Amino acid sequence: MLTSKEIRWFYPGRIPEGIKVWFHQYCLIDQEQLPQEREDVYLYIPGSDFLGIKLREGSLEVKWRTAELGVVSFGELVSGKAEKWTKWSCNDAT
């Protein structure tokens, strides 16, 4: 079990170049390690924004939002909802 506090943004497709530059300029990613590209499979759960179930690289992951921590601003133009999540993972043993 893993507990985390997160501010997350979702964007379909590739990361726009301007966002990549922003992360690199402010050292929010390891300059020596490229971001991992992957495709997850999500279970759609109508009406639920507090539970996430997905398959990621042979692992079943279940995430439960345990707290909403409010909106966090990064300057005047960027903000996101901060949340606390608990995740359970089950790896394929085969």
PDB file of N, CA and C in Angstrom:
ATOM      1  N   MET A   1       0.844  -1.171   0.000  1.00  0.00           N
ATOM      2  CA  MET A   1       0.000   0.000   0.000  1.00  0.00           C
ATOM      3  C   MET A   1       0.896   1.244   0.000  1.00  0.00           C
ATOM      4  N   LEU A   2       0.513   2.220  -0.778  1.00  0.00           N
ATOM      5  CA  LEU A   2       1.259   3.471  -0.896  1.00  0.00           C
ATOM      6  C   LEU A   2       0.289   4.629  -0.698  1.00  0.00           C
ATOM      7  N   THR A   3       0.656   5.596   0.129  1.00  0.00           N
ATOM      8  CA  THR A   3      -0.139   6.804   0.308  1.00  0.00           C
ATOM      9  C   THR A   3       0.643   7.971  -0.281  1.00  0.00           C
ATOM     10  N   SER A   4      -0.050   8.818  -1.049  1.00  0.00           N
ATOM     11  CA  SER A   4       0.630   9.949  -1.685  1.00  0.00           C
ATOM     12  C   SER A   4      -0.255  11.183  -1.656  1.00  0.00           C
ATOM     13  N   LYS A   5       0.400  12.342  -1.730  1.00  0.00           N
ATOM     14  CA  LYS A   5      -0.294  13.607  -1.928  1.00  0.00           C
ATOM     15  C   LYS A   5       0.077  14.063  -3.323  1.00  0.00           C
ATOM     16  N   GLU A   6      -0.941  14.428  -4.110  1.00  0.00           N
ATOM     17  CA  GLU A   6      -0.713  14.655  -5.534  1.00  0.00           C
ATOM     18  C   GLU A   6      -1.428  15.897  -6.033  1.00  0.00           C
ATOM     19  N   ILE A   7      -0.820  16.497  -7.018  1.00  0.00           N
ATOM     20  CA  ILE A   7      -1.490  17.472  -7.864  1.00  0.00           C
ATOM     21  C   ILE A   7      -1.292  16.938  -9.267  1.00  0.00           C
ATOM     22  N   ARG A   8      -2.395  16.612  -9.937  1.00  0.00           N
ATOM     23  CA  ARG A   8      -2.274  15.924 -11.221  1.00  0.00           C
ATOM     24  C   ARG A   8      -3.005  16.689 -12.312  1.00  0.00           C
ATOM     25  N   TRP A   9      -2.401  16.649 -13.491  1.00  0.00           N
ATOM     26  CA  TRP A   9      -3.011  17.185 -14.692  1.00  0.00           C
ATOM     27  C   TRP A   9      -3.029  16.060 -15.709  1.00  0.00           C
ATOM     28  N   PHE A  10      -4.117  15.929 -16.443  1.00  0.00           N
ATOM     29  CA  PHE A  10      -4.201  14.918 -17.493  1.00  0.00           C
ATOM     30  C   PHE A  10      -4.310  15.628 -18.831  1.00  0.00           C
ATOM     31  N   TYR A  11      -3.578  15.106 -19.804  1.00  0.00           N
ATOM     32  CA  TYR A  11      -3.564  15.699 -21.131  1.00  0.00           C
ATOM     33  C   TYR A  11      -3.467  14.569 -22.144  1.00  0.00           C
ATOM     34  N   PRO A  12      -4.373  14.514 -23.127  1.00  0.00           N
ATOM     35  CA  PRO A  12      -4.297  13.428 -24.114  1.00  0.00           C
ATOM     36  C   PRO A  12      -3.142  13.641 -25.091  1.00  0.00           C
ATOM     37  N   GLY A  13      -2.519  12.546 -25.497  1.00  0.00           N
ATOM     38  CA  GLY A  13      -1.455  12.629 -26.496  1.00  0.00           C
ATOM     39  C   GLY A  13      -0.114  13.000 -25.896  1.00  0.00           C
ATOM     40  N   ARG A  14       0.737  13.552 -26.723  1.00  0.00           N
ATOM     41  CA  ARG A  14       2.094  13.918 -26.306  1.00  0.00           C
ATOM     42  C   ARG A  14       2.078  15.219 -25.499  1.00  0.00           C
ATOM     43  N   ILE A  15       3.080  15.360 -24.658  1.00  0.00           N
ATOM     44  CA  ILE A  15       3.206  16.571 -23.850  1.00  0.00           C
ATOM     45  C   ILE A  15       3.578  17.735 -24.770  1.00  0.00           C
ATOM     46  N   PRO A  16       2.842  18.857 -24.707  1.00  0.00           N
ATOM     47  CA  PRO A  16       3.183  20.011 -25.537  1.00  0.00           C
ATOM     48  C   PRO A  16       4.595  20.513 -25.217  1.00  0.00           C
ATOM     49  N   GLU A  17       5.286  21.004 -26.221  1.00  0.00           N
ATOM     50  CA  GLU A  17       6.675  21.441 -26.068  1.00  0.00           C
ATOM     51  C   GLU A  17       6.824  22.508 -24.983  1.00  0.00           C
ATOM     52  N   GLY A  18       5.877  23.429 -24.901  1.00  0.00           N
ATOM     53  CA  GLY A  18       5.946  24.481 -23.889  1.00  0.00           C
ATOM     54  C   GLY A  18       5.917  23.936 -22.467  1.00  0.00           C
ATOM     55  N   ILE A  19       5.156  22.883 -22.242  1.00  0.00           N
ATOM     56  CA  ILE A  19       5.095  22.255 -20.920  1.00  0.00           C
ATOM     57  C   ILE A  19       6.412  21.552 -20.619  1.00  0.00           C
ATOM     58  N   LYS A  20       6.983  20.858 -21.611  1.00  0.00           N
ATOM     59  CA  LYS A  20       8.288  20.204 -21.417  1.00  0.00           C
ATOM     60  C   LYS A  20       9.348  21.222 -21.014  1.00  0.00           C
ATOM     61  N   VAL A  21       9.382  22.346 -21.719  1.00  0.00           N
ATOM     62  CA  VAL A  21      10.366  23.393 -21.431  1.00  0.00           C
ATOM     63  C   VAL A  21      10.172  23.911 -20.008  1.00  0.00           C
ATOM     64  N   TRP A  22       8.925  24.125 -19.604  1.00  0.00           N
ATOM     65  CA  TRP A  22       8.629  24.619 -18.260  1.00  0.00           C
ATOM     66  C   TRP A  22       9.167  23.660 -17.202  1.00  0.00           C
ATOM     67  N   PHE A  23       8.946  22.355 -17.360  1.00  0.00           N
ATOM     68  CA  PHE A  23       9.441  21.378 -16.396  1.00  0.00           C
ATOM     69  C   PHE A  23      10.968  21.345 -16.379  1.00  0.00           C
ATOM     70  N   HIS A  24      11.594  21.410 -17.545  1.00  0.00           N
ATOM     71  CA  HIS A  24      13.058  21.380 -17.603  1.00  0.00           C
ATOM     72  C   HIS A  24      13.673  22.638 -16.980  1.00  0.00           C
ATOM     73  N   GLN A  25      13.102  23.810 -17.253  1.00  0.00           N
ATOM     74  CA  GLN A  25      13.654  25.061 -16.728  1.00  0.00           C
ATOM     75  C   GLN A  25      13.634  25.104 -15.206  1.00  0.00           C
ATOM     76  N   TYR A  26      12.596  24.559 -14.620  1.00  0.00           N
ATOM     77  CA  TYR A  26      12.447  24.657 -13.166  1.00  0.00           C
ATOM     78  C   TYR A  26      12.819  23.360 -12.452  1.00  0.00           C
ATOM     79  N   CYS A  27      13.541  22.473 -13.155  1.00  0.00           N
ATOM     80  CA  CYS A  27      14.115  21.246 -12.578  1.00  0.00           C
ATOM     81  C   CYS A  27      13.084  20.381 -11.871  1.00  0.00           C
ATOM     82  N   LEU A  28      11.898  20.270 -12.434  1.00  0.00           N
ATOM     83  CA  LEU A  28      10.865  19.437 -11.834  1.00  0.00           C
ATOM     84  C   LEU A  28      10.993  17.984 -12.250  1.00  0.00           C
ATOM     85  N   ILE A  29      11.913  17.705 -13.175  1.00  0.00           N
ATOM     86  CA  ILE A  29      12.191  16.322 -13.557  1.00  0.00           C
ATOM     87  C   ILE A  29      13.695  16.104 -13.531  1.00  0.00           C
ATOM     88  N   ASP A  30      14.093  14.870 -13.408  1.00  0.00           N
ATOM     89  CA  ASP A  30      15.512  14.504 -13.419  1.00  0.00           C
ATOM     90  C   ASP A  30      16.040  14.715 -14.831  1.00  0.00           C
ATOM     91  N   GLN A  31      17.028  15.571 -14.972  1.00  0.00           N
ATOM     92  CA  GLN A  31      17.577  15.884 -16.292  1.00  0.00           C
ATOM     93  C   GLN A  31      18.215  14.672 -16.961  1.00  0.00           C
ATOM     94  N   GLU A  32      18.630  13.677 -16.184  1.00  0.00           N
ATOM     95  CA  GLU A  32      19.288  12.485 -16.718  1.00  0.00           C
ATOM     96  C   GLU A  32      18.302  11.390 -17.119  1.00  0.00           C
ATOM     97  N   GLN A  33      17.055  11.509 -16.714  1.00  0.00           N
ATOM     98  CA  GLN A  33      16.085  10.442 -16.970  1.00  0.00           C
ATOM     99  C   GLN A  33      14.917  10.993 -17.781  1.00  0.00           C
ATOM    100  N   LEU A  34      14.686  10.428 -18.950  1.00  0.00           N
ATOM    101  CA  LEU A  34      13.571  10.858 -19.782  1.00  0.00           C
ATOM    102  C   LEU A  34      12.254  10.404 -19.171  1.00  0.00           C
ATOM    103  N   PRO A  35      11.186  11.192 -19.339  1.00  0.00           N
ATOM    104  CA  PRO A  35       9.882  10.756 -18.832  1.00  0.00           C
ATOM    105  C   PRO A  35       9.460   9.445 -19.495  1.00  0.00           C
ATOM    106  N   GLN A  36       8.859   8.588 -18.708  1.00  0.00           N
ATOM    107  CA  GLN A  36       8.416   7.285 -19.201  1.00  0.00           C
ATOM    108  C   GLN A  36       7.127   7.445 -20.004  1.00  0.00           C
ATOM    109  N   GLU A  37       7.074   6.816 -21.164  1.00  0.00           N
ATOM    110  CA  GLU A  37       5.845   6.791 -21.946  1.00  0.00           C
ATOM    111  C   GLU A  37       5.196   5.439 -21.747  1.00  0.00           C
ATOM    112  N   ARG A  38       3.903   5.452 -21.450  1.00  0.00           N
ATOM    113  CA  ARG A  38       3.176   4.202 -21.240  1.00  0.00           C
ATOM    114  C   ARG A  38       1.713   4.438 -21.574  1.00  0.00           C
ATOM    115  N   GLU A  39       1.017   3.348 -21.765  1.00  0.00           N
ATOM    116  CA  GLU A  39      -0.410   3.418 -22.035  1.00  0.00           C
ATOM    117  C   GLU A  39      -1.125   2.544 -21.018  1.00  0.00           C
ATOM    118  N   ASP A  40      -1.917   3.169 -20.154  1.00  0.00           N
ATOM    119  CA  ASP A  40      -2.659   2.461 -19.126  1.00  0.00           C
ATOM    120  C   ASP A  40      -4.070   2.165 -19.625  1.00  0.00           C
ATOM    121  N   VAL A  41      -4.691   1.138 -19.051  1.00  0.00           N
ATOM    122  CA  VAL A  41      -6.077   0.786 -19.361  1.00  0.00           C
ATOM    123  C   VAL A  41      -6.891   1.023 -18.095  1.00  0.00           C
ATOM    124  N   TYR A  42      -7.866   1.930 -18.174  1.00  0.00           N
ATOM    125  CA  TYR A  42      -8.673   2.305 -17.018  1.00  0.00           C
ATOM    126  C   TYR A  42     -10.046   1.647 -17.069  1.00  0.00           C
ATOM    127  N   LEU A  43     -10.561   1.258 -15.906  1.00  0.00           N
ATOM    128  CA  LEU A  43     -11.938   0.803 -15.779  1.00  0.00           C
ATOM    129  C   LEU A  43     -12.795   2.040 -15.561  1.00  0.00           C
ATOM    130  N   TYR A  44     -13.799   2.230 -16.419  1.00  0.00           N
ATOM    131  CA  TYR A  44     -14.695   3.379 -16.293  1.00  0.00           C
ATOM    132  C   TYR A  44     -15.713   3.088 -15.198  1.00  0.00           C
ATOM    133  N   ILE A  45     -15.776   3.966 -14.213  1.00  0.00           N
ATOM    134  CA  ILE A  45     -16.705   3.813 -13.100  1.00  0.00           C
ATOM    135  C   ILE A  45     -17.595   5.056 -13.085  1.00  0.00           C
ATOM    136  N   PRO A  46     -18.799   4.976 -13.690  1.00  0.00           N
ATOM    137  CA  PRO A  46     -19.672   6.148 -13.784  1.00  0.00           C
ATOM    138  C   PRO A  46     -19.964   6.760 -12.411  1.00  0.00           C
ATOM    139  N   GLY A  47     -19.876   8.078 -12.331  1.00  0.00           N
ATOM    140  CA  GLY A  47     -20.212   8.804 -11.115  1.00  0.00           C
ATOM    141  C   GLY A  47     -19.160   8.750 -10.018  1.00  0.00           C
ATOM    142  N   SER A  48     -18.016   8.156 -10.289  1.00  0.00           N
ATOM    143  CA  SER A  48     -16.980   8.042  -9.260  1.00  0.00           C
ATOM    144  C   SER A  48     -15.757   8.860  -9.650  1.00  0.00           C
ATOM    145  N   ASP A  49     -15.444   9.864  -8.834  1.00  0.00           N
ATOM    146  CA  ASP A  49     -14.206  10.615  -9.046  1.00  0.00           C
ATOM    147  C   ASP A  49     -13.224  10.376  -7.898  1.00  0.00           C
ATOM    148  N   PHE A  50     -13.520   9.411  -7.041  1.00  0.00           N
ATOM    149  CA  PHE A  50     -12.686   9.127  -5.875  1.00  0.00           C
ATOM    150  C   PHE A  50     -12.035   7.751  -5.926  1.00  0.00           C
ATOM    151  N   LEU A  51     -12.323   6.979  -6.983  1.00  0.00           N
ATOM    152  CA  LEU A  51     -11.800   5.626  -7.116  1.00  0.00           C
ATOM    153  C   LEU A  51     -11.263   5.440  -8.525  1.00  0.00           C
ATOM    154  N   GLY A  52     -10.059   4.899  -8.646  1.00  0.00           N
ATOM    155  CA  GLY A  52      -9.468   4.602  -9.947  1.00  0.00           C
ATOM    156  C   GLY A  52      -8.960   3.172  -9.978  1.00  0.00           C
ATOM    157  N   ILE A  53      -9.320   2.457 -11.041  1.00  0.00           N
ATOM    158  CA  ILE A  53      -8.851   1.084 -11.227  1.00  0.00           C
ATOM    159  C   ILE A  53      -8.238   1.013 -12.612  1.00  0.00           C
ATOM    160  N   LYS A  54      -6.981   0.517 -12.691  1.00  0.00           N
ATOM    161  CA  LYS A  54      -6.318   0.468 -13.991  1.00  0.00           C
ATOM    162  C   LYS A  54      -5.362  -0.706 -14.072  1.00  0.00           C
ATOM    163  N   LEU A  55      -5.038  -1.046 -15.320  1.00  0.00           N
ATOM    164  CA  LEU A  55      -3.979  -2.002 -15.613  1.00  0.00           C
ATOM    165  C   LEU A  55      -2.789  -1.205 -16.116  1.00  0.00           C
ATOM    166  N   ARG A  56      -1.631  -1.452 -15.509  1.00  0.00           N
ATOM    167  CA  ARG A  56      -0.403  -0.774 -15.922  1.00  0.00           C
ATOM    168  C   ARG A  56       0.724  -1.799 -15.941  1.00  0.00           C
ATOM    169  N   GLU A  57       1.207  -2.092 -17.144  1.00  0.00           N
ATOM    170  CA  GLU A  57       2.375  -2.958 -17.327  1.00  0.00           C
ATOM    171  C   GLU A  57       2.283  -4.246 -16.507  1.00  0.00           C
ATOM    172  N   GLY A  58       1.164  -4.964 -16.625  1.00  0.00           N
ATOM    173  CA  GLY A  58       0.998  -6.247 -15.947  1.00  0.00           C
ATOM    174  C   GLY A  58       0.600  -6.154 -14.492  1.00  0.00           C
ATOM    175  N   SER A  59       0.255  -4.974 -14.030  1.00  0.00           N
ATOM    176  CA  SER A  59      -0.126  -4.781 -12.636  1.00  0.00           C
ATOM    177  C   SER A  59      -1.529  -4.184 -12.564  1.00  0.00           C
ATOM    178  N   LEU A  60      -2.348  -4.705 -11.653  1.00  0.00           N
ATOM    179  CA  LEU A  60      -3.662  -4.132 -11.380  1.00  0.00           C
ATOM    180  C   LEU A  60      -3.485  -3.130 -10.246  1.00  0.00           C
ATOM    181  N   GLU A  61      -3.913  -1.886 -10.468  1.00  0.00           N
ATOM    182  CA  GLU A  61      -3.764  -0.846  -9.458  1.00  0.00           C
ATOM    183  C   GLU A  61      -5.124  -0.279  -9.095  1.00  0.00           C
ATOM    184  N   VAL A  62      -5.364  -0.136  -7.805  1.00  0.00           N
ATOM    185  CA  VAL A  62      -6.596   0.459  -7.290  1.00  0.00           C
ATOM    186  C   VAL A  62      -6.196   1.664  -6.444  1.00  0.00           C
ATOM    187  N   LYS A  63      -6.745   2.847  -6.795  1.00  0.00           N
ATOM    188  CA  LYS A  63      -6.440   4.072  -6.042  1.00  0.00           C
ATOM    189  C   LYS A  63      -7.738   4.633  -5.470  1.00  0.00           C
ATOM    190  N   TRP A  64      -7.658   5.047  -4.208  1.00  0.00           N
ATOM    191  CA  TRP A  64      -8.798   5.593  -3.493  1.00  0.00           C
ATOM    192  C   TRP A  64      -8.405   6.970  -2.963  1.00  0.00           C
ATOM    193  N   ARG A  65      -9.184   7.999  -3.354  1.00  0.00           N
ATOM    194  CA  ARG A  65      -8.897   9.343  -2.838  1.00  0.00           C
ATOM    195  C   ARG A  65      -9.407   9.428  -1.403  1.00  0.00           C
ATOM    196  N   THR A  66      -8.510   9.699  -0.477  1.00  0.00           N
ATOM    197  CA  THR A  66      -8.876   9.738   0.935  1.00  0.00           C
ATOM    198  C   THR A  66      -9.096  11.156   1.453  1.00  0.00           C
ATOM    199  N   ALA A  67      -8.642  12.170   0.707  1.00  0.00           N
ATOM    200  CA  ALA A  67      -8.857  13.558   1.128  1.00  0.00           C
ATOM    201  C   ALA A  67      -8.673  14.505  -0.050  1.00  0.00           C
ATOM    202  N   GLU A  68      -9.477  15.564  -0.067  1.00  0.00           N
ATOM    203  CA  GLU A  68      -9.292  16.681  -0.988  1.00  0.00           C
ATOM    204  C   GLU A  68      -8.649  17.802  -0.172  1.00  0.00           C
ATOM    205  N   LEU A  69      -7.500  18.281  -0.614  1.00  0.00           N
ATOM    206  CA  LEU A  69      -6.705  19.216   0.177  1.00  0.00           C
ATOM    207  C   LEU A  69      -6.816  20.661  -0.287  1.00  0.00           C
ATOM    208  N   GLY A  70      -7.629  20.919  -1.300  1.00  0.00           N
ATOM    209  CA  GLY A  70      -7.822  22.280  -1.784  1.00  0.00           C
ATOM    210  C   GLY A  70      -7.017  22.570  -3.035  1.00  0.00           C
ATOM    211  N   VAL A  71      -7.166  23.779  -3.531  1.00  0.00           N
ATOM    212  CA  VAL A  71      -6.492  24.209  -4.753  1.00  0.00           C
ATOM    213  C   VAL A  71      -5.139  24.815  -4.399  1.00  0.00           C
ATOM    214  N   VAL A  72      -4.110  24.427  -5.150  1.00  0.00           N
ATOM    215  CA  VAL A  72      -2.761  24.955  -4.975  1.00  0.00           C
ATOM    216  C   VAL A  72      -2.407  25.741  -6.233  1.00  0.00           C
ATOM    217  N   SER A  73      -1.930  26.971  -6.057  1.00  0.00           N
ATOM    218  CA  SER A  73      -1.552  27.815  -7.192  1.00  0.00           C
ATOM    219  C   SER A  73      -0.042  27.865  -7.328  1.00  0.00           C
ATOM    220  N   PHE A  74       0.406  27.868  -8.581  1.00  0.00           N
ATOM    221  CA  PHE A  74       1.811  28.010  -8.926  1.00  0.00           C
ATOM    222  C   PHE A  74       1.918  29.268  -9.772  1.00  0.00           C
ATOM    223  N   GLY A  75       2.105  30.385  -9.131  1.00  0.00           N
ATOM    224  CA  GLY A  75       2.082  31.645  -9.846  1.00  0.00           C
ATOM    225  C   GLY A  75       0.647  32.067 -10.100  1.00  0.00           C
ATOM    226  N   GLU A  76       0.463  32.929 -11.087  1.00  0.00           N
ATOM    227  CA  GLU A  76      -0.865  33.469 -11.373  1.00  0.00           C
ATOM    228  C   GLU A  76      -1.635  32.661 -12.403  1.00  0.00           C
ATOM    229  N   LEU A  77      -0.956  31.822 -13.178  1.00  0.00           N
ATOM    230  CA  LEU A  77      -1.617  31.173 -14.303  1.00  0.00           C
ATOM    231  C   LEU A  77      -1.871  29.682 -14.133  1.00  0.00           C
ATOM    232  N   VAL A  78      -1.232  29.033 -13.176  1.00  0.00           N
ATOM    233  CA  VAL A  78      -1.329  27.577 -13.070  1.00  0.00           C
ATOM    234  C   VAL A  78      -1.822  27.190 -11.683  1.00  0.00           C
ATOM    235  N   SER A  79      -2.827  26.318 -11.648  1.00  0.00           N
ATOM    236  CA  SER A  79      -3.303  25.794 -10.372  1.00  0.00           C
ATOM    237  C   SER A  79      -3.821  24.380 -10.587  1.00  0.00           C
ATOM    238  N   GLY A  80      -3.920  23.649  -9.511  1.00  0.00           N
ATOM    239  CA  GLY A  80      -4.440  22.289  -9.578  1.00  0.00           C
ATOM    240  C   GLY A  80      -4.974  21.878  -8.221  1.00  0.00           C
ATOM    241  N   LYS A  81      -5.836  20.880  -8.215  1.00  0.00           N
ATOM    242  CA  LYS A  81      -6.403  20.381  -6.966  1.00  0.00           C
ATOM    243  C   LYS A  81      -5.425  19.417  -6.306  1.00  0.00           C
ATOM    244  N   ALA A  82      -5.115  19.675  -5.049  1.00  0.00           N
ATOM    245  CA  ALA A  82      -4.254  18.774  -4.278  1.00  0.00           C
ATOM    246  C   ALA A  82      -5.141  17.720  -3.617  1.00  0.00           C
ATOM    247  N   GLU A  83      -4.683  16.472  -3.666  1.00  0.00           N
ATOM    248  CA  GLU A  83      -5.469  15.371  -3.118  1.00  0.00           C
ATOM    249  C   GLU A  83      -4.551  14.364  -2.443  1.00  0.00           C
ATOM    250  N   LYS A  84      -5.105  13.611  -1.519  1.00  0.00           N
ATOM    251  CA  LYS A  84      -4.386  12.511  -0.875  1.00  0.00           C
ATOM    252  C   LYS A  84      -5.010  11.207  -1.362  1.00  0.00           C
ATOM    253  N   TRP A  85      -4.152  10.283  -1.827  1.00  0.00           N
ATOM    254  CA  TRP A  85      -4.602   9.016  -2.403  1.00  0.00           C
ATOM    255  C   TRP A  85      -3.902   7.849  -1.713  1.00  0.00           C
ATOM    256  N   THR A  86      -4.597   6.719  -1.658  1.00  0.00           N
ATOM    257  CA  THR A  86      -3.999   5.461  -1.221  1.00  0.00           C
ATOM    258  C   THR A  86      -4.099   4.487  -2.381  1.00  0.00           C
ATOM    259  N   LYS A  87      -2.983   3.794  -2.677  1.00  0.00           N
ATOM    260  CA  LYS A  87      -2.938   2.878  -3.826  1.00  0.00           C
ATOM    261  C   LYS A  87      -2.537   1.481  -3.374  1.00  0.00           C
ATOM    262  N   TRP A  88      -3.251   0.506  -3.928  1.00  0.00           N
ATOM    263  CA  TRP A  88      -2.909  -0.902  -3.749  1.00  0.00           C
ATOM    264  C   TRP A  88      -2.552  -1.464  -5.114  1.00  0.00           C
ATOM    265  N   SER A  89      -1.517  -2.284  -5.190  1.00  0.00           N
ATOM    266  CA  SER A  89      -1.083  -2.893  -6.447  1.00  0.00           C
ATOM    267  C   SER A  89      -1.035  -4.402  -6.308  1.00  0.00           C
ATOM    268  N   CYS A  90      -1.404  -5.065  -7.394  1.00  0.00           N
ATOM    269  CA  CYS A  90      -1.324  -6.521  -7.459  1.00  0.00           C
ATOM    270  C   CYS A  90      -0.608  -6.864  -8.760  1.00  0.00           C
ATOM    271  N   ASN A  91       0.595  -7.425  -8.659  1.00  0.00           N
ATOM    272  CA  ASN A  91       1.384  -7.754  -9.840  1.00  0.00           C
ATOM    273  C   ASN A  91       1.056  -9.147 -10.344  1.00  0.00           C
ATOM    274  N   ASP A  92       1.116  -9.316 -11.661  1.00  0.00           N
ATOM    275  CA  ASP A  92       0.911 -10.613 -12.294  1.00  0.00           C
ATOM    276  C   ASP A  92       2.129 -11.483 -12.009  1.00  0.00           C
ATOM    277  N   ALA A  93       1.924 -12.611 -11.364  1.00  0.00           N
ATOM    278  CA  ALA A  93       3.036 -13.484 -10.970  1.00  0.00           C
ATOM    279  C   ALA A  93       3.505 -14.400 -12.093  1.00  0.00           C
ATOM    280  N   THR A  94       2.828 -14.385 -13.246  1.00  0.00           N
ATOM    281  CA  THR A  94       3.222 -15.288 -14.336  1.00  0.00           C
ATOM    282  C   THR A  94       4.290 -14.689 -15.197  1.00  0.00           C
TER     283      THR A  94
END
